Amino acid sequence: MLDVLTFSILGCILGTITGLTPGLHVNTIALLALSLYPTLGITHLEFVAFIVSMAITHTFLDFIPAIFIGVPEEETALSILPSHELFLKGRALEAIKITAYGSLLGLMIGILLSPLAIWLMPLLYTIIHDFIAAILILAICILMIREGRSKIHFAFLSFFLSGFLGILIFKQKFLSATEILFPTFLGLFGISTILCSLKEGSSAKIPQDKFIFIRLDQSLFFSSFLGSIGGILINLLPALSPSQIGILLYEIFGYSTRNFLISISAVNTSDAIYSFIALYTIHNPRSGASIILHKVITLDHTYLLFIIAITAFSALFATVFHLKIGKLILSLVEKIKYEKISIATLVFCFFLVYFLTGIFGVFICVLSTLIGLIPVLSKISRTHCMGVLIVPTLAYYLRVPCP
C-alpha cells in the first residue's frame, strides 16, 4: 500500500508539472510511462495509481497558465477570456480560488454520482448513438443563434474556417493528431488572446487583490453539480469541450463569469473520472489516461473502485497545489509589467511550437492565430472556433468524404 501511495504522489507531482507547462500534455508522459512500464518492475496497481493521479492533478493545474498568460489546452481553451480578464482586473486570486473549488467539487460530485453514471451511461449511449451528429448540429445552432442577428455571420465564419482547418490538420502527415493540436489551440485561443491583451492593455504592472474570499454558497454548489453532469455529456458526445458544455448549460440555467468558470472547472475534472467509467461501461476510452490503462489492465469493478479511491486522494493534493502555486505565481507576476509578461510569453510560445512541432507547426500556429482573431475582434464567443474538432467529427458520423 505504501508503494501505491508513493506512485500516486509521484503522479501528482508530474501532473502539476504538465499542468503548468504549456505544450507538455499529460498524455505525453503517460505514453512514455507505458513504453517504460515493462522494464520498471512495478505492479499493475502502482502503474494505475501513477497514471490516474497524474491525469487528475493535471485537470486542476492546467487552469493556471490560462489565468496568468492566456495559454490554453484543449480542455481549458474557452475559459481563457473570463479567467484572463479577471487577472487583468487585478482579481487573479478570484480565478485561482474559483477554478480550485469548482474542480474539487465537480470531482467529488462526480464520485458521488458514479453509481448512477455506471447505470446511466450505457443506457444513454445506446439511445443517442445514432443521433450524435444531429445533437452536435443542434448545439452548434444554439451557440450561433445566441450571438444575435448582427454577429451571427462572424460566428459562422469562425466556425467554418476553424472547421476547415480541422479537416486540414487531421489529414496532414507531418505530425500526429496529439502533436498538431498544440499549435492549433495555442493559435486559436492563446496567442490571439495575448495579442489583443497587448493591444488593449498598458505597460504598467497589474496590482492584484490578495484578500478575495469565495463564499461557498448555493450558487457555487449548483454550478459544480451542473458541471459534473456536463462531464457525463462530454463522454457521450465527442468533440464537445468543457467550455461548450458550460455555455450550453448556462444558456438554459443563466450565466455569470463566476459560475461559468466554476462549471468549466467542474466539467474538466469530472470528465476525468467519467472517462474511466465510460471505459468500464461502454468499453470506449474517452481520454488519454483511460486509453493507456486499457492497454495494461482489463478494467473491472475492483479496478474501478481503486481508481475512484486514487482519484479522491489525488484531488486533495491537487487542490492544495493549485492554491499554493497559484498564489506564488500571483506574488511574482504583479511585480512585472504586463507588457513584458505578454511579449516574453509570445516568444516562449513560438519557441516551444518550433521545438515541439517544427516549422510546419509554426505555420499552423500562425494560421490558427489569424482565425482566432476573428471572434476576438468581433467580440463573439470563441466557442465557435471549436469547429476545428466538431466539423471533422460531424464528417465522420455523417460519412462525408473529406478531400
Protein backbone atom coordinates (compact mmCIF):
# COMPACT_ATOMS: atom_id res chain seq x y z
CA MET A 1 0.00 0.00 0.00
CA LEU A 2 2.90 2.36 0.77
CA ASP A 3 4.28 1.81 -2.73
CA VAL A 4 0.89 2.65 -4.24
CA LEU A 5 0.77 5.92 -2.28
CA THR A 6 4.33 6.73 -3.37
CA PHE A 7 3.45 6.28 -7.05
CA SER A 8 0.27 8.28 -6.54
CA ILE A 9 2.24 11.20 -5.05
CA LEU A 10 4.74 10.94 -7.91
CA GLY A 11 1.81 11.14 -10.33
CA CYS A 12 0.55 14.26 -8.55
CA ILE A 13 3.96 15.91 -8.90
CA LEU A 14 4.26 15.13 -12.61
CA GLY A 15 0.62 16.16 -13.18
CA THR A 16 1.48 19.50 -11.61
CA ILE A 17 4.43 19.91 -13.99
CA THR A 18 2.39 19.01 -17.09
CA GLY A 19 -0.46 21.27 -15.98
CA LEU A 20 1.82 24.27 -15.54
CA THR A 21 3.91 23.72 -18.69
CA PRO A 22 2.30 24.77 -22.00
CA GLY A 23 2.79 22.11 -24.65
CA LEU A 24 3.67 19.34 -22.19
CA HIS A 25 0.49 17.31 -22.11
CA VAL A 26 -0.21 14.60 -19.58
CA ASN A 27 -0.73 12.15 -22.45
CA THR A 28 2.91 12.58 -23.48
CA ILE A 29 4.15 11.47 -20.05
CA ALA A 30 1.55 8.68 -19.95
CA LEU A 31 2.75 7.31 -23.30
CA LEU A 32 6.35 7.45 -22.11
CA ALA A 33 5.37 5.64 -18.91
CA LEU A 34 3.58 2.97 -20.96
CA SER A 35 6.68 2.36 -23.09
CA LEU A 36 8.85 2.02 -19.96
CA TYR A 37 6.31 0.01 -17.96
CA PRO A 38 7.55 -3.49 -18.92
CA THR A 39 11.07 -2.61 -17.72
CA LEU A 40 10.16 -0.86 -14.47
CA GLY A 41 9.23 -3.94 -12.47
CA ILE A 42 6.17 -2.32 -10.87
CA THR A 43 2.73 -3.80 -10.24
CA HIS A 44 -0.45 -3.01 -12.14
CA LEU A 45 -1.83 -1.16 -9.11
CA GLU A 46 1.25 1.06 -8.85
CA PHE A 47 1.08 1.92 -12.56
CA VAL A 48 -2.65 2.66 -12.36
CA ALA A 49 -2.12 4.86 -9.29
CA PHE A 50 0.58 6.84 -11.11
CA ILE A 51 -1.44 7.40 -14.31
CA VAL A 52 -4.70 8.28 -12.54
CA SER A 53 -3.04 10.68 -10.08
CA MET A 54 -1.18 12.42 -12.87
CA ALA A 55 -4.32 12.79 -15.01
CA ILE A 56 -6.44 14.14 -12.13
CA THR A 57 -3.81 16.63 -10.93
CA HIS A 58 -3.31 17.88 -14.49
CA THR A 59 -7.01 18.82 -14.74
CA PHE A 60 -6.60 21.13 -11.74
CA LEU A 61 -3.30 22.84 -12.56
CA ASP A 62 -3.88 23.41 -16.29
CA PHE A 63 -6.05 26.42 -15.44
CA ILE A 64 -3.06 28.33 -14.05
CA PRO A 65 -1.44 29.12 -17.45
CA ALA A 66 -4.85 30.15 -18.80
CA ILE A 67 -5.34 32.60 -15.91
CA PHE A 68 -1.98 34.34 -15.98
CA ILE A 69 -0.77 34.24 -19.58
CA GLY A 70 -3.75 33.10 -21.63
CA VAL A 71 -2.09 29.90 -22.88
CA PRO A 72 -4.69 27.13 -23.28
CA GLU A 73 -5.06 23.42 -23.65
CA GLU A 74 -7.99 21.81 -25.40
CA GLU A 75 -9.89 21.41 -22.11
CA THR A 76 -9.41 25.00 -20.87
CA ALA A 77 -9.40 26.87 -24.18
CA LEU A 78 -12.70 28.71 -23.80
CA SER A 79 -12.09 29.62 -20.15
CA ILE A 80 -9.27 31.96 -21.20
CA LEU A 81 -11.31 35.11 -21.74
CA PRO A 82 -13.12 35.23 -18.35
CA SER A 83 -10.19 33.89 -16.30
CA HIS A 84 -7.57 36.08 -18.01
CA GLU A 85 -9.87 39.11 -17.76
CA LEU A 86 -10.04 38.61 -14.00
CA PHE A 87 -6.23 38.70 -13.95
CA LEU A 88 -6.19 41.94 -15.99
CA LYS A 89 -8.67 43.42 -13.49
CA GLY A 90 -6.41 42.53 -10.56
CA ARG A 91 -8.62 39.63 -9.45
CA ALA A 92 -6.45 36.66 -10.41
CA LEU A 93 -6.84 35.26 -6.89
CA GLU A 94 -10.57 35.00 -7.53
CA ALA A 95 -9.95 32.95 -10.69
CA ILE A 96 -7.46 30.76 -8.81
CA LYS A 97 -9.90 30.01 -5.98
CA ILE A 98 -12.93 29.59 -8.24
CA THR A 99 -11.22 27.05 -10.50
CA ALA A 100 -9.77 25.19 -7.50
CA TYR A 101 -13.11 24.91 -5.70
CA GLY A 102 -15.02 24.15 -8.88
CA SER A 103 -12.55 21.41 -9.82
CA LEU A 104 -12.67 19.82 -6.36
CA LEU A 105 -16.45 19.98 -6.01
CA GLY A 106 -17.02 18.77 -9.56
CA LEU A 107 -14.79 15.76 -8.96
CA MET A 108 -16.33 14.94 -5.58
CA ILE A 109 -19.85 15.19 -7.03
CA GLY A 110 -18.68 13.02 -9.93
CA ILE A 111 -17.50 10.38 -7.45
CA LEU A 112 -20.82 10.53 -5.59
CA LEU A 113 -22.71 10.20 -8.86
CA SER A 114 -20.52 7.37 -10.15
CA PRO A 115 -23.01 4.59 -9.19
CA LEU A 116 -25.71 6.44 -11.15
CA ALA A 117 -23.29 7.07 -14.04
CA ILE A 118 -22.40 3.36 -14.22
CA TRP A 119 -26.08 2.58 -14.78
CA LEU A 120 -26.96 5.65 -16.85
CA MET A 121 -24.07 6.00 -19.33
CA PRO A 122 -24.58 2.75 -21.28
CA LEU A 123 -28.33 3.44 -21.41
CA LEU A 124 -27.87 6.99 -22.74
CA TYR A 125 -25.14 5.92 -25.13
CA THR A 126 -27.43 3.30 -26.67
CA ILE A 127 -30.22 5.86 -27.06
CA ILE A 128 -28.21 8.74 -28.56
CA HIS A 129 -25.55 6.88 -30.54
CA ASP A 130 -27.44 7.14 -33.82
CA PHE A 131 -28.30 10.80 -33.19
CA ILE A 132 -24.88 12.19 -32.21
CA ALA A 133 -24.50 14.16 -35.44
CA ALA A 134 -27.96 15.71 -35.03
CA ILE A 135 -27.22 16.65 -31.41
CA LEU A 136 -23.93 18.28 -32.40
CA ILE A 137 -25.63 20.28 -35.17
CA LEU A 138 -28.32 21.43 -32.71
CA ALA A 139 -25.64 22.53 -30.23
CA ILE A 140 -23.84 24.46 -32.99
CA CYS A 141 -27.06 26.24 -33.97
CA ILE A 142 -27.83 27.22 -30.36
CA LEU A 143 -24.34 28.62 -29.87
CA MET A 144 -24.55 30.64 -33.10
CA ILE A 145 -28.07 31.99 -32.52
CA ARG A 146 -27.07 33.33 -29.10
CA GLU A 147 -24.77 35.83 -30.85
CA GLY A 148 -27.74 37.72 -32.32
CA ARG A 149 -28.50 38.78 -35.89
CA SER A 150 -25.77 41.41 -36.08
CA LYS A 151 -22.95 38.97 -35.28
CA ILE A 152 -24.16 35.55 -36.38
CA HIS A 153 -22.20 35.86 -39.64
CA PHE A 154 -18.97 36.25 -37.65
CA ALA A 155 -19.90 33.14 -35.69
CA PHE A 156 -20.49 31.20 -38.91
CA LEU A 157 -17.21 32.45 -40.40
CA SER A 158 -15.24 31.44 -37.29
CA PHE A 159 -16.87 28.02 -37.23
CA PHE A 160 -16.43 27.42 -40.96
CA LEU A 161 -12.76 28.46 -41.09
CA SER A 162 -11.81 26.59 -37.92
CA GLY A 163 -13.70 23.54 -39.19
CA PHE A 164 -11.85 23.66 -42.49
CA LEU A 165 -8.61 23.99 -40.53
CA GLY A 166 -9.63 20.92 -38.50
CA ILE A 167 -10.04 18.85 -41.66
CA LEU A 168 -6.64 20.01 -42.90
CA ILE A 169 -4.71 19.25 -39.71
CA PHE A 170 -6.15 15.77 -39.32
CA LYS A 171 -5.34 14.96 -42.94
CA GLN A 172 -1.69 16.09 -42.76
CA LYS A 173 1.08 13.51 -42.31
CA PHE A 174 3.83 15.61 -40.73
CA LEU A 175 2.62 15.46 -37.11
CA SER A 176 0.49 13.11 -35.03
CA ALA A 177 -3.05 14.10 -34.01
CA THR A 178 -1.86 14.91 -30.48
CA GLU A 179 1.12 16.99 -31.66
CA ILE A 180 -0.84 19.07 -34.16
CA LEU A 181 -3.43 20.13 -31.59
CA PHE A 182 -0.85 22.06 -29.55
CA PRO A 183 -0.02 24.76 -32.16
CA THR A 184 -3.64 24.76 -33.32
CA PHE A 185 -5.18 25.51 -29.92
CA LEU A 186 -2.33 27.83 -28.99
CA GLY A 187 -3.10 29.93 -32.07
CA LEU A 188 -6.89 29.79 -31.90
CA PHE A 189 -7.23 30.60 -28.22
CA GLY A 190 -3.86 31.58 -26.74
CA ILE A 191 -1.80 33.85 -28.97
CA SER A 192 -4.89 35.66 -30.26
CA THR A 193 -5.79 36.45 -26.64
CA ILE A 194 -2.30 37.71 -25.80
CA LEU A 195 -2.14 39.91 -28.91
CA CYS A 196 -5.46 41.57 -28.09
CA SER A 197 -4.45 41.99 -24.46
CA LEU A 198 -1.28 43.74 -25.63
CA LYS A 199 -3.32 45.98 -27.93
CA GLU A 200 -5.79 46.99 -25.24
CA GLY A 201 -3.58 46.74 -22.18
CA SER A 202 -0.91 49.01 -20.78
CA SER A 203 2.76 48.65 -19.98
CA ALA A 204 2.06 49.10 -16.26
CA LYS A 205 2.24 46.45 -13.59
CA ILE A 206 -1.11 44.95 -12.66
CA PRO A 207 -1.65 45.10 -8.88
CA GLN A 208 -3.60 42.14 -7.57
CA ASP A 209 -6.15 41.96 -4.78
CA LYS A 210 -4.82 39.45 -2.23
CA PHE A 211 -7.86 39.45 0.04
CA ILE A 212 -10.59 37.84 -2.02
CA PHE A 213 -12.94 35.49 -0.17
CA ILE A 214 -15.08 32.99 -2.07
CA ARG A 215 -18.26 32.16 -0.18
CA LEU A 216 -19.35 28.51 -0.51
CA ASP A 217 -22.96 29.27 -1.35
CA GLN A 218 -25.79 27.50 -3.13
CA SER A 219 -24.78 29.01 -6.48
CA LEU A 220 -21.28 27.52 -6.27
CA PHE A 221 -22.59 24.05 -5.46
CA PHE A 222 -25.26 24.22 -8.17
CA SER A 223 -22.70 25.28 -10.79
CA SER A 224 -20.41 22.44 -9.71
CA PHE A 225 -23.31 20.00 -9.95
CA LEU A 226 -24.16 21.21 -13.46
CA GLY A 227 -20.51 20.87 -14.42
CA SER A 228 -20.40 17.31 -13.13
CA ILE A 229 -23.47 16.45 -15.20
CA GLY A 230 -21.72 18.07 -18.14
CA GLY A 231 -18.80 15.70 -17.57
CA ILE A 232 -21.13 12.80 -18.37
CA LEU A 233 -22.27 14.52 -21.58
CA ILE A 234 -18.68 15.01 -22.78
CA ASN A 235 -18.08 11.28 -22.57
CA LEU A 236 -21.21 10.65 -24.64
CA LEU A 237 -20.82 13.44 -27.21
CA PRO A 238 -17.43 13.53 -28.96
CA ALA A 239 -15.79 16.85 -29.95
CA LEU A 240 -17.68 18.99 -27.43
CA SER A 241 -15.33 20.70 -24.98
CA PRO A 242 -15.89 21.50 -21.28
CA SER A 243 -16.38 25.17 -22.16
CA GLN A 244 -19.01 24.43 -24.81
CA ILE A 245 -20.92 22.22 -22.40
CA GLY A 246 -20.67 25.02 -19.84
CA ILE A 247 -22.04 27.56 -22.33
CA LEU A 248 -24.93 25.29 -23.31
CA LEU A 249 -25.82 24.69 -19.66
CA TYR A 250 -25.82 28.38 -18.90
CA GLU A 251 -27.95 29.17 -21.91
CA ILE A 252 -30.55 27.14 -20.01
CA PHE A 253 -29.80 27.98 -16.38
CA GLY A 254 -28.33 31.51 -16.56
CA TYR A 255 -24.83 32.93 -16.90
CA SER A 256 -22.21 34.77 -14.85
CA THR A 257 -18.43 34.81 -15.15
CA ARG A 258 -18.02 33.23 -11.72
CA ASN A 259 -20.50 30.43 -12.30
CA PHE A 260 -19.19 29.81 -15.80
CA LEU A 261 -15.63 29.25 -14.53
CA ILE A 262 -16.88 27.03 -11.73
CA SER A 263 -18.89 24.99 -14.20
CA ILE A 264 -15.99 24.62 -16.67
CA SER A 265 -13.55 23.53 -13.97
CA ALA A 266 -16.13 21.04 -12.64
CA VAL A 267 -16.73 19.66 -16.14
CA ASN A 268 -12.99 19.35 -16.72
CA THR A 269 -12.23 17.33 -13.59
CA SER A 270 -15.41 15.24 -13.50
CA ASP A 271 -14.73 14.32 -17.13
CA ALA A 272 -11.57 12.59 -15.88
CA ILE A 273 -13.46 10.20 -13.58
CA TYR A 274 -16.29 9.66 -16.06
CA SER A 275 -13.79 8.71 -18.77
CA PHE A 276 -12.81 5.68 -16.66
CA ILE A 277 -16.49 4.86 -16.08
CA ALA A 278 -17.05 5.09 -19.85
CA LEU A 279 -14.24 2.58 -20.36
CA TYR A 280 -15.83 0.29 -17.77
CA THR A 281 -19.42 0.55 -19.01
CA ILE A 282 -19.38 1.16 -22.78
CA HIS A 283 -15.79 -0.08 -23.34
CA ASN A 284 -14.92 3.16 -25.08
CA PRO A 285 -11.93 5.07 -23.64
CA ARG A 286 -12.56 8.81 -23.84
CA SER A 287 -9.27 10.19 -22.53
CA GLY A 288 -5.56 9.61 -22.98
CA ALA A 289 -5.25 8.17 -19.46
CA SER A 290 -8.12 5.71 -19.97
CA ILE A 291 -6.59 4.59 -23.30
CA ILE A 292 -3.26 3.93 -21.57
CA LEU A 293 -4.90 1.92 -18.78
CA HIS A 294 -6.94 -0.02 -21.33
CA LYS A 295 -3.65 -1.28 -22.79
CA VAL A 296 -2.40 -2.51 -19.41
CA ILE A 297 -5.42 -3.79 -17.47
CA THR A 298 -8.90 -5.12 -18.02
CA LEU A 299 -10.97 -2.60 -16.12
CA ASP A 300 -13.33 -4.50 -13.83
CA HIS A 301 -15.35 -3.48 -10.77
CA THR A 302 -12.39 -3.85 -8.39
CA TYR A 303 -10.06 -1.73 -10.52
CA LEU A 304 -12.78 0.92 -10.91
CA LEU A 305 -13.20 1.21 -7.12
CA PHE A 306 -9.41 1.50 -6.80
CA ILE A 307 -9.34 4.27 -9.44
CA ILE A 308 -12.10 6.17 -7.61
CA ALA A 309 -10.14 5.94 -4.34
CA ILE A 310 -6.95 7.21 -6.02
CA THR A 311 -8.97 9.99 -7.64
CA ALA A 312 -10.23 11.23 -4.27
CA PHE A 313 -6.72 11.05 -2.78
CA SER A 314 -5.19 12.93 -5.72
CA ALA A 315 -7.90 15.61 -5.70
CA LEU A 316 -6.92 16.73 -2.20
CA PHE A 317 -3.25 17.09 -3.19
CA ALA A 318 -4.17 18.80 -6.45
CA THR A 319 -6.38 21.38 -4.70
CA VAL A 320 -3.57 22.33 -2.31
CA PHE A 321 -1.03 22.51 -5.16
CA HIS A 322 -3.42 24.62 -7.25
CA LEU A 323 -3.98 27.20 -4.49
CA LYS A 324 -0.38 27.35 -3.26
CA ILE A 325 1.26 27.56 -6.70
CA GLY A 326 -1.39 29.99 -7.95
CA LYS A 327 -0.71 32.35 -5.04
CA LEU A 328 3.05 32.00 -5.53
CA ILE A 329 2.80 32.92 -9.23
CA LEU A 330 0.44 35.75 -8.29
CA SER A 331 3.07 37.29 -5.99
CA LEU A 332 5.63 37.14 -8.79
CA VAL A 333 3.70 38.41 -11.80
CA GLU A 334 2.36 41.55 -10.13
CA LYS A 335 5.96 42.76 -9.80
CA ILE A 336 6.47 42.62 -13.58
CA LYS A 337 4.93 44.88 -16.23
CA TYR A 338 2.16 43.03 -18.07
CA GLU A 339 3.56 44.05 -21.46
CA LYS A 340 6.84 42.30 -20.65
CA ILE A 341 4.99 39.17 -19.47
CA SER A 342 2.99 39.07 -22.71
CA ILE A 343 5.96 39.60 -25.02
CA ALA A 344 8.02 37.00 -23.15
CA THR A 345 5.09 34.59 -23.37
CA LEU A 346 4.73 35.11 -27.12
CA VAL A 347 8.45 34.45 -27.68
CA PHE A 348 8.32 31.38 -25.43
CA CYS A 349 5.21 30.03 -27.20
CA PHE A 350 6.70 30.32 -30.69
CA PHE A 351 9.96 28.76 -29.49
CA LEU A 352 8.01 25.91 -27.92
CA VAL A 353 5.95 25.37 -31.07
CA TYR A 354 9.10 25.28 -33.21
CA PHE A 355 10.91 22.99 -30.76
CA LEU A 356 8.00 20.52 -30.46
CA THR A 357 6.43 20.64 -33.94
CA GLY A 358 8.95 22.28 -36.28
CA ILE A 359 8.33 24.86 -38.98
CA PHE A 360 5.09 23.15 -40.03
CA GLY A 361 3.74 23.63 -36.51
CA VAL A 362 4.72 27.31 -36.62
CA PHE A 363 2.79 27.70 -39.89
CA ILE A 364 -0.30 26.05 -38.36
CA CYS A 365 0.04 28.25 -35.27
CA VAL A 366 0.11 31.44 -37.36
CA LEU A 367 -2.86 30.30 -39.44
CA SER A 368 -4.78 29.38 -36.30
CA THR A 369 -4.00 32.76 -34.76
CA LEU A 370 -5.49 34.57 -37.77
CA ILE A 371 -8.69 32.55 -37.40
CA GLY A 372 -8.69 33.02 -33.63
CA LEU A 373 -8.59 36.81 -34.03
CA ILE A 374 -12.00 36.81 -35.78
CA PRO A 375 -14.12 36.15 -32.65
CA VAL A 376 -11.84 38.33 -30.51
CA LEU A 377 -12.11 41.38 -32.77
CA SER A 378 -15.82 40.87 -33.50
CA LYS A 379 -16.50 40.33 -29.76
CA ILE A 380 -18.27 36.99 -30.06
CA SER A 381 -17.72 33.77 -28.15
CA ARG A 382 -14.63 31.79 -29.05
CA THR A 383 -16.61 28.59 -28.73
CA HIS A 384 -17.22 28.78 -32.49
CA CYS A 385 -13.53 28.05 -33.09
CA MET A 386 -14.17 24.59 -31.64
CA GLY A 387 -15.35 23.82 -35.15
CA VAL A 388 -11.75 22.62 -35.50
CA LEU A 389 -12.88 19.44 -33.73
CA ILE A 390 -16.61 19.43 -34.38
CA VAL A 391 -16.50 19.58 -38.19
CA PRO A 392 -14.17 16.54 -38.57
CA THR A 393 -16.33 14.67 -36.05
CA LEU A 394 -19.50 15.52 -37.99
CA ALA A 395 -17.84 14.43 -41.23
CA TYR A 396 -17.05 11.08 -39.60
CA TYR A 397 -20.57 10.47 -38.25
CA LEU A 398 -22.29 11.70 -41.40
CA ARG A 399 -19.84 9.68 -43.52
CA VAL A 400 -18.95 12.74 -45.57
CA PRO A 401 -15.72 12.15 -47.53
CA CYS A 402 -13.10 14.80 -46.81
CA PRO A 403 -10.71 15.93 -49.55
